């Protein structure tokens, strides 16, 4: 362990292969292959992005209709106002009964 204030010797940098050697030629080919793979991946991803945008546009157009906003799931189930519906049904039934009675009275010979 170095406890003095002496500088720590630097590690030797990686030795680059000499130009024209087999190692440098292989590194150049590897770099070119990696660049080609990156270019092909970029082209593929750009084509998929265009395809996704096209499908999204097509999914929003349904004949003469167009989806303005996508549907969303409600946070809680809808609970109908049961008491109000019962009172409304009773009122409609009472009115219908009055109409039937009036029609029967008018239709009775007399």
PDB file of N, CA and C in Angstrom:
ATOM      1  N   UNK A   1       0.847  -1.167   0.000  1.00  0.00           N
ATOM      2  CA  UNK A   1       0.000   0.000   0.000  1.00  0.00           C
ATOM      3  C   UNK A   1       0.893   1.230   0.000  1.00  0.00           C
ATOM      4  N   UNK A   2       0.556   2.195  -0.813  1.00  0.00           N
ATOM      5  CA  UNK A   2       1.366   3.398  -0.958  1.00  0.00           C
ATOM      6  C   UNK A   2       0.801   4.473  -0.045  1.00  0.00           C
ATOM      7  N   UNK A   3       1.499   4.755   1.069  1.00  0.00           N
ATOM      8  CA  UNK A   3       1.011   5.753   2.013  1.00  0.00           C
ATOM      9  C   UNK A   3       1.729   7.080   1.871  1.00  0.00           C
ATOM     10  N   UNK A   4       2.770   7.133   1.079  1.00  0.00           N
ATOM     11  CA  UNK A   4       3.500   8.395   0.902  1.00  0.00           C
ATOM     12  C   UNK A   4       2.789   9.265  -0.127  1.00  0.00           C
ATOM     13  N   UNK A   5       3.295  10.456  -0.314  1.00  0.00           N
ATOM     14  CA  UNK A   5       2.703  11.383  -1.283  1.00  0.00           C
ATOM     15  C   UNK A   5       3.278  11.188  -2.672  1.00  0.00           C
ATOM     16  N   UNK A   6       3.871  10.047  -2.924  1.00  0.00           N
ATOM     17  CA  UNK A   6       4.437   9.780  -4.243  1.00  0.00           C
ATOM     18  C   UNK A   6       3.300   9.532  -5.235  1.00  0.00           C
ATOM     19  N   UNK A   7       3.427  10.014  -6.453  1.00  0.00           N
ATOM     20  CA  UNK A   7       2.383   9.764  -7.452  1.00  0.00           C
ATOM     21  C   UNK A   7       2.327   8.284  -7.813  1.00  0.00           C
ATOM     22  N   UNK A   8       1.132   7.836  -8.065  1.00  0.00           N
ATOM     23  CA  UNK A   8       0.917   6.444  -8.453  1.00  0.00           C
ATOM     24  C   UNK A   8       1.236   6.332  -9.932  1.00  0.00           C
ATOM     25  N   UNK A   9       2.040   5.362 -10.316  1.00  0.00           N
ATOM     26  CA  UNK A   9       2.393   5.245 -11.730  1.00  0.00           C
ATOM     27  C   UNK A   9       1.148   4.895 -12.565  1.00  0.00           C
ATOM     28  N   UNK A  10       1.033   5.549 -13.724  1.00  0.00           N
ATOM     29  CA  UNK A  10      -0.093   5.306 -14.640  1.00  0.00           C
ATOM     30  C   UNK A  10       0.089   3.961 -15.318  1.00  0.00           C
ATOM     31  N   UNK A  11      -1.025   3.327 -15.587  1.00  0.00           N
ATOM     32  CA  UNK A  11      -0.954   2.074 -16.328  1.00  0.00           C
ATOM     33  C   UNK A  11      -0.715   2.393 -17.785  1.00  0.00           C
ATOM     34  N   UNK A  12      -0.060   1.539 -18.462  1.00  0.00           N
ATOM     35  CA  UNK A  12       0.245   1.768 -19.876  1.00  0.00           C
ATOM     36  C   UNK A  12      -1.040   1.718 -20.682  1.00  0.00           C
ATOM     37  N   UNK A  13      -1.251   2.700 -21.582  1.00  0.00           N
ATOM     38  CA  UNK A  13      -2.456   2.650 -22.420  1.00  0.00           C
ATOM     39  C   UNK A  13      -2.400   1.451 -23.335  1.00  0.00           C
ATOM     40  N   UNK A  14      -3.595   1.041 -23.834  1.00  0.00           N
ATOM     41  CA  UNK A  14      -3.654  -0.098 -24.737  1.00  0.00           C
ATOM     42  C   UNK A  14      -2.803   0.178 -25.952  1.00  0.00           C
ATOM     43  N   UNK A  15      -2.105  -0.811 -26.345  1.00  0.00           N
ATOM     44  CA  UNK A  15      -1.224  -0.657 -27.490  1.00  0.00           C
ATOM     45  C   UNK A  15      -2.066  -0.842 -28.742  1.00  0.00           C
ATOM     46  N   UNK A  16      -2.050   0.163 -29.604  1.00  0.00           N
ATOM     47  CA  UNK A  16      -2.806   0.094 -30.846  1.00  0.00           C
ATOM     48  C   UNK A  16      -2.022  -0.729 -31.848  1.00  0.00           C
ATOM     49  N   UNK A  17      -2.727  -1.546 -32.639  1.00  0.00           N
ATOM     50  CA  UNK A  17      -2.003  -2.342 -33.628  1.00  0.00           C
ATOM     51  C   UNK A  17      -1.405  -1.443 -34.702  1.00  0.00           C
ATOM     52  N   UNK A  18      -0.318  -1.868 -35.216  1.00  0.00           N
ATOM     53  CA  UNK A  18       0.357  -1.095 -36.260  1.00  0.00           C
ATOM     54  C   UNK A  18      -0.472  -1.144 -37.531  1.00  0.00           C
ATOM     55  N   UNK A  19      -0.504  -0.033 -38.284  1.00  0.00           N
ATOM     56  CA  UNK A  19      -1.261  -0.019 -39.537  1.00  0.00           C
ATOM     57  C   UNK A  19      -0.741  -1.096 -40.481  1.00  0.00           C
ATOM     58  N   UNK A  20      -1.677  -1.714 -41.204  1.00  0.00           N
ATOM     59  CA  UNK A  20      -1.318  -2.735 -42.176  1.00  0.00           C
ATOM     60  C   UNK A  20      -1.207  -4.123 -41.586  1.00  0.00           C
ATOM     61  N   UNK A  21      -1.365  -4.272 -40.286  1.00  0.00           N
ATOM     62  CA  UNK A  21      -1.281  -5.596 -39.693  1.00  0.00           C
ATOM     63  C   UNK A  21      -2.654  -6.260 -39.729  1.00  0.00           C
ATOM     64  N   UNK A  22      -2.643  -7.543 -39.470  1.00  0.00           N
ATOM     65  CA  UNK A  22      -3.889  -8.314 -39.495  1.00  0.00           C
ATOM     66  C   UNK A  22      -4.848  -7.828 -38.409  1.00  0.00           C
ATOM     67  N   UNK A  23      -4.325  -7.485 -37.238  1.00  0.00           N
ATOM     68  CA  UNK A  23      -5.177  -7.017 -36.139  1.00  0.00           C
ATOM     69  C   UNK A  23      -5.853  -5.698 -36.501  1.00  0.00           C
ATOM     70  N   UNK A  24      -5.122  -4.777 -37.120  1.00  0.00           N
ATOM     71  CA  UNK A  24      -5.737  -3.492 -37.474  1.00  0.00           C
ATOM     72  C   UNK A  24      -6.784  -3.681 -38.557  1.00  0.00           C
ATOM     73  N   UNK A  25      -6.515  -4.599 -39.485  1.00  0.00           N
ATOM     74  CA  UNK A  25      -7.480  -4.869 -40.554  1.00  0.00           C
ATOM     75  C   UNK A  25      -8.766  -5.477 -39.972  1.00  0.00           C
ATOM     76  N   UNK A  26      -8.610  -6.380 -39.015  1.00  0.00           N
ATOM     77  CA  UNK A  26      -9.770  -6.991 -38.373  1.00  0.00           C
ATOM     78  C   UNK A  26     -10.561  -5.956 -37.575  1.00  0.00           C
ATOM     79  N   UNK A  27      -9.876  -5.059 -36.884  1.00  0.00           N
ATOM     80  CA  UNK A  27     -10.571  -4.011 -36.135  1.00  0.00           C
ATOM     81  C   UNK A  27     -11.346  -3.089 -37.075  1.00  0.00           C
ATOM     82  N   UNK A  28     -10.771  -2.764 -38.221  1.00  0.00           N
ATOM     83  CA  UNK A  28     -11.475  -1.918 -39.195  1.00  0.00           C
ATOM     84  C   UNK A  28     -12.718  -2.623 -39.732  1.00  0.00           C
ATOM     85  N   UNK A  29     -12.581  -3.918 -40.025  1.00  0.00           N
ATOM     86  CA  UNK A  29     -13.739  -4.664 -40.524  1.00  0.00           C
ATOM     87  C   UNK A  29     -14.826  -4.773 -39.447  1.00  0.00           C
ATOM     88  N   UNK A  30     -14.402  -4.993 -38.204  1.00  0.00           N
ATOM     89  CA  UNK A  30     -15.354  -5.079 -37.101  1.00  0.00           C
ATOM     90  C   UNK A  30     -16.077  -3.752 -36.904  1.00  0.00           C
ATOM     91  N   UNK A  31     -15.330  -2.655 -36.964  1.00  0.00           N
ATOM     92  CA  UNK A  31     -15.950  -1.334 -36.813  1.00  0.00           C
ATOM     93  C   UNK A  31     -16.913  -1.058 -37.961  1.00  0.00           C
ATOM     94  N   UNK A  32     -16.537  -1.448 -39.177  1.00  0.00           N
ATOM     95  CA  UNK A  32     -17.420  -1.242 -40.326  1.00  0.00           C
ATOM     96  C   UNK A  32     -18.682  -2.092 -40.184  1.00  0.00           C
ATOM     97  N   UNK A  33     -18.541  -3.330 -39.692  1.00  0.00           N
ATOM     98  CA  UNK A  33     -19.704  -4.195 -39.506  1.00  0.00           C
ATOM     99  C   UNK A  33     -20.625  -3.635 -38.426  1.00  0.00           C
ATOM    100  N   UNK A  34     -20.034  -3.136 -37.334  1.00  0.00           N
ATOM    101  CA  UNK A  34     -20.845  -2.535 -36.274  1.00  0.00           C
ATOM    102  C   UNK A  34     -21.575  -1.294 -36.763  1.00  0.00           C
ATOM    103  N   UNK A  35     -20.905  -0.494 -37.595  1.00  0.00           N
ATOM    104  CA  UNK A  35     -21.546   0.700 -38.155  1.00  0.00           C
ATOM    105  C   UNK A  35     -22.704   0.306 -39.065  1.00  0.00           C
ATOM    106  N   UNK A  36     -22.529  -0.751 -39.846  1.00  0.00           N
ATOM    107  CA  UNK A  36     -23.592  -1.209 -40.750  1.00  0.00           C
ATOM    108  C   UNK A  36     -24.785  -1.742 -39.952  1.00  0.00           C
ATOM    109  N   UNK A  37     -24.512  -2.482 -38.882  1.00  0.00           N
ATOM    110  CA  UNK A  37     -25.596  -2.993 -38.033  1.00  0.00           C
ATOM    111  C   UNK A  37     -26.347  -1.825 -37.404  1.00  0.00           C
ATOM    112  N   UNK A  38     -25.636  -0.817 -36.928  1.00  0.00           N
ATOM    113  CA  UNK A  38     -26.289   0.351 -36.327  1.00  0.00           C
ATOM    114  C   UNK A  38     -27.140   1.081 -37.356  1.00  0.00           C
ATOM    115  N   UNK A  39     -26.621   1.202 -38.603  1.00  0.00           N
ATOM    116  CA  UNK A  39     -27.393   1.870 -39.660  1.00  0.00           C
ATOM    117  C   UNK A  39     -28.661   1.091 -39.990  1.00  0.00           C
ATOM    118  N   UNK A  40     -28.539  -0.243 -40.086  1.00  0.00           N
ATOM    119  CA  UNK A  40     -29.710  -1.068 -40.393  1.00  0.00           C
ATOM    120  C   UNK A  40     -30.726  -1.024 -39.255  1.00  0.00           C
ATOM    121  N   UNK A  41     -30.254  -1.038 -38.018  1.00  0.00           N
ATOM    122  CA  UNK A  41     -31.169  -0.912 -36.876  1.00  0.00           C
ATOM    123  C   UNK A  41     -31.905   0.424 -36.911  1.00  0.00           C
ATOM    124  N   UNK A  42     -31.183   1.477 -37.241  1.00  0.00           N
ATOM    125  CA  UNK A  42     -31.798   2.803 -37.314  1.00  0.00           C
ATOM    126  C   UNK A  42     -32.866   2.843 -38.397  1.00  0.00           C
ATOM    127  N   UNK A  43     -32.563   2.284 -39.561  1.00  0.00           N
ATOM    128  CA  UNK A  43     -33.550   2.239 -40.651  1.00  0.00           C
ATOM    129  C   UNK A  43     -34.777   1.440 -40.234  1.00  0.00           C
ATOM    130  N   UNK A  44     -34.549   0.299 -39.597  1.00  0.00           N
ATOM    131  CA  UNK A  44     -35.652  -0.548 -39.167  1.00  0.00           C
ATOM    132  C   UNK A  44     -36.539   0.181 -38.168  1.00  0.00           C
ATOM    133  N   UNK A  45     -35.923   0.823 -37.171  1.00  0.00           N
ATOM    134  CA  UNK A  45     -36.706   1.527 -36.157  1.00  0.00           C
ATOM    135  C   UNK A  45     -37.457   2.713 -36.747  1.00  0.00           C
ATOM    136  N   UNK A  46     -36.847   3.418 -37.693  1.00  0.00           N
ATOM    137  CA  UNK A  46     -37.551   4.535 -38.340  1.00  0.00           C
ATOM    138  C   UNK A  46     -38.758   4.028 -39.138  1.00  0.00           C
ATOM    139  N   UNK A  47     -38.594   2.896 -39.839  1.00  0.00           N
ATOM    140  CA  UNK A  47     -39.705   2.329 -40.601  1.00  0.00           C
ATOM    141  C   UNK A  47     -40.825   1.877 -39.660  1.00  0.00           C
ATOM    142  N   UNK A  48     -40.470   1.279 -38.525  1.00  0.00           N
ATOM    143  CA  UNK A  48     -41.486   0.860 -37.563  1.00  0.00           C
ATOM    144  C   UNK A  48     -42.214   2.062 -36.965  1.00  0.00           C
ATOM    145  N   UNK A  49     -41.493   3.157 -36.724  1.00  0.00           N
ATOM    146  CA  UNK A  49     -42.137   4.359 -36.184  1.00  0.00           C
ATOM    147  C   UNK A  49     -43.136   4.924 -37.187  1.00  0.00           C
ATOM    148  N   UNK A  50     -42.764   4.952 -38.458  1.00  0.00           N
ATOM    149  CA  UNK A  50     -43.682   5.438 -39.496  1.00  0.00           C
ATOM    150  C   UNK A  50     -44.898   4.526 -39.579  1.00  0.00           C
ATOM    151  N   UNK A  51     -44.666   3.216 -39.515  1.00  0.00           N
ATOM    152  CA  UNK A  51     -45.771   2.255 -39.564  1.00  0.00           C
ATOM    153  C   UNK A  51     -46.704   2.421 -38.369  1.00  0.00           C
ATOM    154  N   UNK A  52     -46.154   2.651 -37.198  1.00  0.00           N
ATOM    155  CA  UNK A  52     -46.977   2.831 -36.000  1.00  0.00           C
ATOM    156  C   UNK A  52     -47.815   4.097 -36.104  1.00  0.00           C
ATOM    157  N   UNK A  53     -47.214   5.183 -36.602  1.00  0.00           N
ATOM    158  CA  UNK A  53     -47.991   6.428 -36.770  1.00  0.00           C
ATOM    159  C   UNK A  53     -49.110   6.238 -37.785  1.00  0.00           C
ATOM    160  N   UNK A  54     -48.831   5.503 -38.865  1.00  0.00           N
ATOM    161  CA  UNK A  54     -49.850   5.252 -39.882  1.00  0.00           C
ATOM    162  C   UNK A  54     -50.989   4.422 -39.306  1.00  0.00           C
ATOM    163  N   UNK A  55     -50.668   3.382 -38.546  1.00  0.00           N
ATOM    164  CA  UNK A  55     -51.722   2.551 -37.947  1.00  0.00           C
ATOM    165  C   UNK A  55     -52.537   3.341 -36.938  1.00  0.00           C
ATOM    166  N   UNK A  56     -51.891   4.207 -36.186  1.00  0.00           N
ATOM    167  CA  UNK A  56     -52.629   5.028 -35.219  1.00  0.00           C
ATOM    168  C   UNK A  56     -53.597   5.963 -35.950  1.00  0.00           C
ATOM    169  N   UNK A  57     -53.134   6.557 -37.043  1.00  0.00           N
ATOM    170  CA  UNK A  57     -54.000   7.436 -37.827  1.00  0.00           C
ATOM    171  C   UNK A  57     -55.163   6.655 -38.419  1.00  0.00           C
ATOM    172  N   UNK A  58     -54.879   5.468 -38.950  1.00  0.00           N
ATOM    173  CA  UNK A  58     -55.937   4.655 -39.542  1.00  0.00           C
ATOM    174  C   UNK A  58     -56.928   4.168 -38.499  1.00  0.00           C
ATOM    175  N   UNK A  59     -56.457   3.892 -37.293  1.00  0.00           N
ATOM    176  CA  UNK A  59     -57.369   3.381 -36.272  1.00  0.00           C
ATOM    177  C   UNK A  59     -58.313   4.470 -35.781  1.00  0.00           C
ATOM    178  N   UNK A  60     -57.936   5.717 -35.932  1.00  0.00           N
ATOM    179  CA  UNK A  60     -58.813   6.809 -35.500  1.00  0.00           C
ATOM    180  C   UNK A  60     -59.872   7.143 -36.548  1.00  0.00           C
ATOM    181  N   UNK A  61     -59.633   6.786 -37.800  1.00  0.00           N
ATOM    182  CA  UNK A  61     -60.604   7.051 -38.860  1.00  0.00           C
ATOM    183  C   UNK A  61     -61.434   5.803 -39.093  1.00  0.00           C
ATOM    184  N   UNK A  62     -62.742   5.896 -38.863  1.00  0.00           N
ATOM    185  CA  UNK A  62     -63.644   4.765 -39.048  1.00  0.00           C
ATOM    186  C   UNK A  62     -64.735   5.229 -40.006  1.00  0.00           C
ATOM    187  N   UNK A  63     -64.501   5.041 -41.289  1.00  0.00           N
ATOM    188  CA  UNK A  63     -65.473   5.495 -42.282  1.00  0.00           C
ATOM    189  C   UNK A  63     -65.634   7.001 -42.211  1.00  0.00           C
ATOM    190  N   UNK A  64     -66.890   7.449 -42.022  1.00  0.00           N
ATOM    191  CA  UNK A  64     -67.166   8.881 -41.928  1.00  0.00           C
ATOM    192  C   UNK A  64     -66.961   9.380 -40.501  1.00  0.00           C
ATOM    193  N   UNK A  65     -66.742   8.462 -39.578  1.00  0.00           N
ATOM    194  CA  UNK A  65     -66.555   8.831 -38.178  1.00  0.00           C
ATOM    195  C   UNK A  65     -65.075   8.968 -37.875  1.00  0.00           C
ATOM    196  N   UNK A  66     -64.775   9.764 -36.887  1.00  0.00           N
ATOM    197  CA  UNK A  66     -63.392   9.907 -36.450  1.00  0.00           C
ATOM    198  C   UNK A  66     -63.370   9.927 -34.920  1.00  0.00           C
ATOM    199  N   UNK A  67     -62.466   9.157 -34.341  1.00  0.00           N
ATOM    200  CA  UNK A  67     -62.329   9.121 -32.893  1.00  0.00           C
ATOM    201  C   UNK A  67     -61.634  10.396 -32.454  1.00  0.00           C
ATOM    202  N   UNK A  68     -62.303  11.189 -31.625  1.00  0.00           N
ATOM    203  CA  UNK A  68     -61.727  12.441 -31.156  1.00  0.00           C
ATOM    204  C   UNK A  68     -60.810  12.194 -29.980  1.00  0.00           C
ATOM    205  N   UNK A  69     -61.287  11.401 -29.022  1.00  0.00           N
ATOM    206  CA  UNK A  69     -60.487  11.038 -27.855  1.00  0.00           C
ATOM    207  C   UNK A  69     -60.646   9.544 -27.618  1.00  0.00           C
ATOM    208  N   UNK A  70     -59.587   8.861 -27.286  1.00  0.00           N
ATOM    209  CA  UNK A  70     -59.737   7.432 -26.991  1.00  0.00           C
ATOM    210  C   UNK A  70     -60.526   7.233 -25.707  1.00  0.00           C
ATOM    211  N   UNK A  71     -61.212   6.093 -25.619  1.00  0.00           N
ATOM    212  CA  UNK A  71     -62.025   5.787 -24.436  1.00  0.00           C
ATOM    213  C   UNK A  71     -61.122   5.522 -23.239  1.00  0.00           C
ATOM    214  N   UNK A  72     -61.641   5.737 -22.055  1.00  0.00           N
ATOM    215  CA  UNK A  72     -60.879   5.475 -20.846  1.00  0.00           C
ATOM    216  C   UNK A  72     -61.726   4.655 -19.892  1.00  0.00           C
ATOM    217  N   UNK A  73     -61.063   3.886 -19.060  1.00  0.00           N
ATOM    218  CA  UNK A  73     -61.762   3.082 -18.069  1.00  0.00           C
ATOM    219  C   UNK A  73     -62.159   3.957 -16.895  1.00  0.00           C
ATOM    220  N   UNK A  74     -63.390   3.820 -16.412  1.00  0.00           N
ATOM    221  CA  UNK A  74     -63.790   4.609 -15.249  1.00  0.00           C
ATOM    222  C   UNK A  74     -63.038   4.142 -14.008  1.00  0.00           C
ATOM    223  N   UNK A  75     -62.873   5.047 -13.076  1.00  0.00           N
ATOM    224  CA  UNK A  75     -62.143   4.702 -11.854  1.00  0.00           C
ATOM    225  C   UNK A  75     -63.015   3.897 -10.894  1.00  0.00           C
ATOM    226  N   UNK A  76     -64.328   4.046 -10.988  1.00  0.00           N
ATOM    227  CA  UNK A  76     -65.242   3.311 -10.111  1.00  0.00           C
ATOM    228  C   UNK A  76     -66.473   2.917 -10.925  1.00  0.00           C
ATOM    229  N   UNK A  77     -67.169   1.852 -10.539  1.00  0.00           N
ATOM    230  CA  UNK A  77     -68.371   1.468 -11.285  1.00  0.00           C
ATOM    231  C   UNK A  77     -69.474   2.517 -11.124  1.00  0.00           C
ATOM    232  N   UNK A  78     -70.277   2.634 -12.156  1.00  0.00           N
ATOM    233  CA  UNK A  78     -71.380   3.594 -12.119  1.00  0.00           C
ATOM    234  C   UNK A  78     -72.518   3.027 -11.282  1.00  0.00           C
ATOM    235  N   UNK A  79     -73.002   3.790 -10.339  1.00  0.00           N
ATOM    236  CA  UNK A  79     -74.126   3.380  -9.505  1.00  0.00           C
ATOM    237  C   UNK A  79     -75.339   4.230  -9.865  1.00  0.00           C
ATOM    238  N   UNK A  80     -76.374   3.606 -10.459  1.00  0.00           N
ATOM    239  CA  UNK A  80     -77.556   4.392 -10.812  1.00  0.00           C
ATOM    240  C   UNK A  80     -78.300   4.832  -9.551  1.00  0.00           C
ATOM    241  N   UNK A  81     -78.974   5.976  -9.604  1.00  0.00           N
ATOM    242  CA  UNK A  81     -79.752   6.448  -8.450  1.00  0.00           C
ATOM    243  C   UNK A  81     -81.037   5.622  -8.322  1.00  0.00           C
ATOM    244  N   UNK A  82     -80.993   4.587  -7.528  1.00  0.00           N
ATOM    245  CA  UNK A  82     -82.081   3.609  -7.428  1.00  0.00           C
ATOM    246  C   UNK A  82     -83.372   4.265  -6.937  1.00  0.00           C
ATOM    247  N   UNK A  83     -83.320   5.053  -5.877  1.00  0.00           N
ATOM    248  CA  UNK A  83     -84.524   5.671  -5.331  1.00  0.00           C
ATOM    249  C   UNK A  83     -85.193   6.577  -6.363  1.00  0.00           C
ATOM    250  N   UNK A  84     -84.387   7.358  -7.068  1.00  0.00           N
ATOM    251  CA  UNK A  84     -84.935   8.265  -8.087  1.00  0.00           C
ATOM    252  C   UNK A  84     -85.607   7.467  -9.205  1.00  0.00           C
ATOM    253  N   UNK A  85     -84.995   6.356  -9.616  1.00  0.00           N
ATOM    254  CA  UNK A  85     -85.587   5.533 -10.672  1.00  0.00           C
ATOM    255  C   UNK A  85     -86.891   4.889 -10.216  1.00  0.00           C
ATOM    256  N   UNK A  86     -86.965   4.458  -8.962  1.00  0.00           N
ATOM    257  CA  UNK A  86     -88.201   3.860  -8.439  1.00  0.00           C
ATOM    258  C   UNK A  86     -89.313   4.905  -8.405  1.00  0.00           C
ATOM    259  N   UNK A  87     -89.015   6.111  -7.931  1.00  0.00           N
ATOM    260  CA  UNK A  87     -90.024   7.179  -7.883  1.00  0.00           C
ATOM    261  C   UNK A  87     -90.484   7.558  -9.287  1.00  0.00           C
ATOM    262  N   UNK A  88     -89.562   7.631 -10.217  1.00  0.00           N
ATOM    263  CA  UNK A  88     -89.918   7.976 -11.601  1.00  0.00           C
ATOM    264  C   UNK A  88     -90.795   6.880 -12.214  1.00  0.00           C
ATOM    265  N   UNK A  89     -90.465   5.612 -11.963  1.00  0.00           N
ATOM    266  CA  UNK A  89     -91.281   4.517 -12.483  1.00  0.00           C
ATOM    267  C   UNK A  89     -92.684   4.549 -11.886  1.00  0.00           C
ATOM    268  N   UNK A  90     -92.798   4.855 -10.597  1.00  0.00           N
ATOM    269  CA  UNK A  90     -94.114   4.962  -9.965  1.00  0.00           C
ATOM    270  C   UNK A  90     -94.930   6.096 -10.552  1.00  0.00           C
ATOM    271  N   UNK A  91     -94.312   7.244 -10.806  1.00  0.00           N
ATOM    272  CA  UNK A  91     -95.015   8.393 -11.385  1.00  0.00           C
ATOM    273  C   UNK A  91     -95.481   8.094 -12.805  1.00  0.00           C
ATOM    274  N   UNK A  92     -94.621   7.470 -13.601  1.00  0.00           N
ATOM    275  CA  UNK A  92     -95.006   7.114 -14.970  1.00  0.00           C
ATOM    276  C   UNK A  92     -96.142   6.097 -14.945  1.00  0.00           C
ATOM    277  N   UNK A  93     -96.103   5.130 -14.043  1.00  0.00           N
ATOM    278  CA  UNK A  93     -97.181   4.138 -13.933  1.00  0.00           C
ATOM    279  C   UNK A  93     -98.496   4.793 -13.535  1.00  0.00           C
ATOM    280  N   UNK A  94     -98.451   5.742 -12.595  1.00  0.00           N
ATOM    281  CA  UNK A  94     -99.661   6.451 -12.170  1.00  0.00           C
ATOM    282  C   UNK A  94    -100.257   7.245 -13.324  1.00  0.00           C
ATOM    283  N   UNK A  95     -99.410   7.959 -14.077  1.00  0.00           N
ATOM    284  CA  UNK A  95     -99.899   8.729 -15.223  1.00  0.00           C
ATOM    285  C   UNK A  95    -100.492   7.811 -16.289  1.00  0.00           C
ATOM    286  N   UNK A  96     -99.843   6.694 -16.538  1.00  0.00           N
ATOM    287  CA  UNK A  96    -100.351   5.743 -17.522  1.00  0.00           C
ATOM    288  C   UNK A  96    -101.695   5.168 -17.074  1.00  0.00           C
ATOM    289  N   UNK A  97    -101.847   4.903 -15.793  1.00  0.00           N
ATOM    290  CA  UNK A  97    -103.122   4.383 -15.261  1.00  0.00           C
ATOM    291  C   UNK A  97    -104.223   5.418 -15.434  1.00  0.00           C
ATOM    292  N   UNK A  98    -103.916   6.703 -15.195  1.00  0.00           N
ATOM    293  CA  UNK A  98    -104.920   7.762 -15.370  1.00  0.00           C
ATOM    294  C   UNK A  98    -105.333   7.855 -16.827  1.00  0.00           C
ATOM    295  N   UNK A  99    -104.388   7.766 -17.743  1.00  0.00           N
ATOM    296  CA  UNK A  99    -104.710   7.833 -19.177  1.00  0.00           C
ATOM    297  C   UNK A  99    -105.580   6.645 -19.577  1.00  0.00           C
ATOM    298  N   UNK A 100    -105.259   5.459 -19.102  1.00  0.00           N
ATOM    299  CA  UNK A 100    -106.067   4.278 -19.438  1.00  0.00           C
ATOM    300  C   UNK A 100    -107.477   4.426 -18.891  1.00  0.00           C
ATOM    301  N   UNK A 101    -107.618   4.905 -17.649  1.00  0.00           N
ATOM    302  CA  UNK A 101    -108.965   5.100 -17.057  1.00  0.00           C
ATOM    303  C   UNK A 101    -109.748   6.114 -17.883  1.00  0.00           C
ATOM    304  N   UNK A 102    -109.139   7.240 -18.266  1.00  0.00           N
ATOM    305  CA  UNK A 102    -109.832   8.249 -19.081  1.00  0.00           C
ATOM    306  C   UNK A 102    -110.268   7.680 -20.417  1.00  0.00           C
ATOM    307  N   UNK A 103    -109.394   6.903 -21.055  1.00  0.00           N
ATOM    308  CA  UNK A 103    -109.775   6.299 -22.346  1.00  0.00           C
ATOM    309  C   UNK A 103    -110.923   5.301 -22.179  1.00  0.00           C
ATOM    310  N   UNK A 104    -110.892   4.525 -21.098  1.00  0.00           N
ATOM    311  CA  UNK A 104    -111.990   3.579 -20.870  1.00  0.00           C
ATOM    312  C   UNK A 104    -113.302   4.316 -20.600  1.00  0.00           C
ATOM    313  N   UNK A 105    -113.266   5.426 -19.879  1.00  0.00           N
ATOM    314  CA  UNK A 105    -114.485   6.207 -19.593  1.00  0.00           C
ATOM    315  C   UNK A 105    -115.014   6.819 -20.906  1.00  0.00           C
ATOM    316  N   UNK A 106    -114.110   7.286 -21.751  1.00  0.00           N
ATOM    317  CA  UNK A 106    -114.565   7.877 -23.012  1.00  0.00           C
ATOM    318  C   UNK A 106    -115.117   6.817 -23.949  1.00  0.00           C
ATOM    319  N   UNK A 107    -114.583   5.607 -23.900  1.00  0.00           N
ATOM    320  CA  UNK A 107    -115.007   4.552 -24.791  1.00  0.00           C
ATOM    321  C   UNK A 107    -116.286   3.867 -24.311  1.00  0.00           C
ATOM    322  N   UNK A 108    -116.693   4.075 -23.063  1.00  0.00           N
ATOM    323  CA  UNK A 108    -117.875   3.426 -22.507  1.00  0.00           C
ATOM    324  C   UNK A 108    -119.133   4.066 -23.125  1.00  0.00           C
ATOM    325  N   UNK A 109    -120.018   3.192 -23.566  1.00  0.00           N
ATOM    326  CA  UNK A 109    -121.268   3.779 -24.114  1.00  0.00           C
ATOM    327  C   UNK A 109    -122.145   4.296 -22.974  1.00  0.00           C
ATOM    328  N   UNK A 110    -122.737   5.353 -23.262  1.00  0.00           N
ATOM    329  CA  UNK A 110    -123.424   5.845 -22.248  1.00  0.00           C
ATOM    330  C   UNK A 110    -124.444   6.545 -21.754  1.00  0.00           C
TER     331      UNK A 110
END
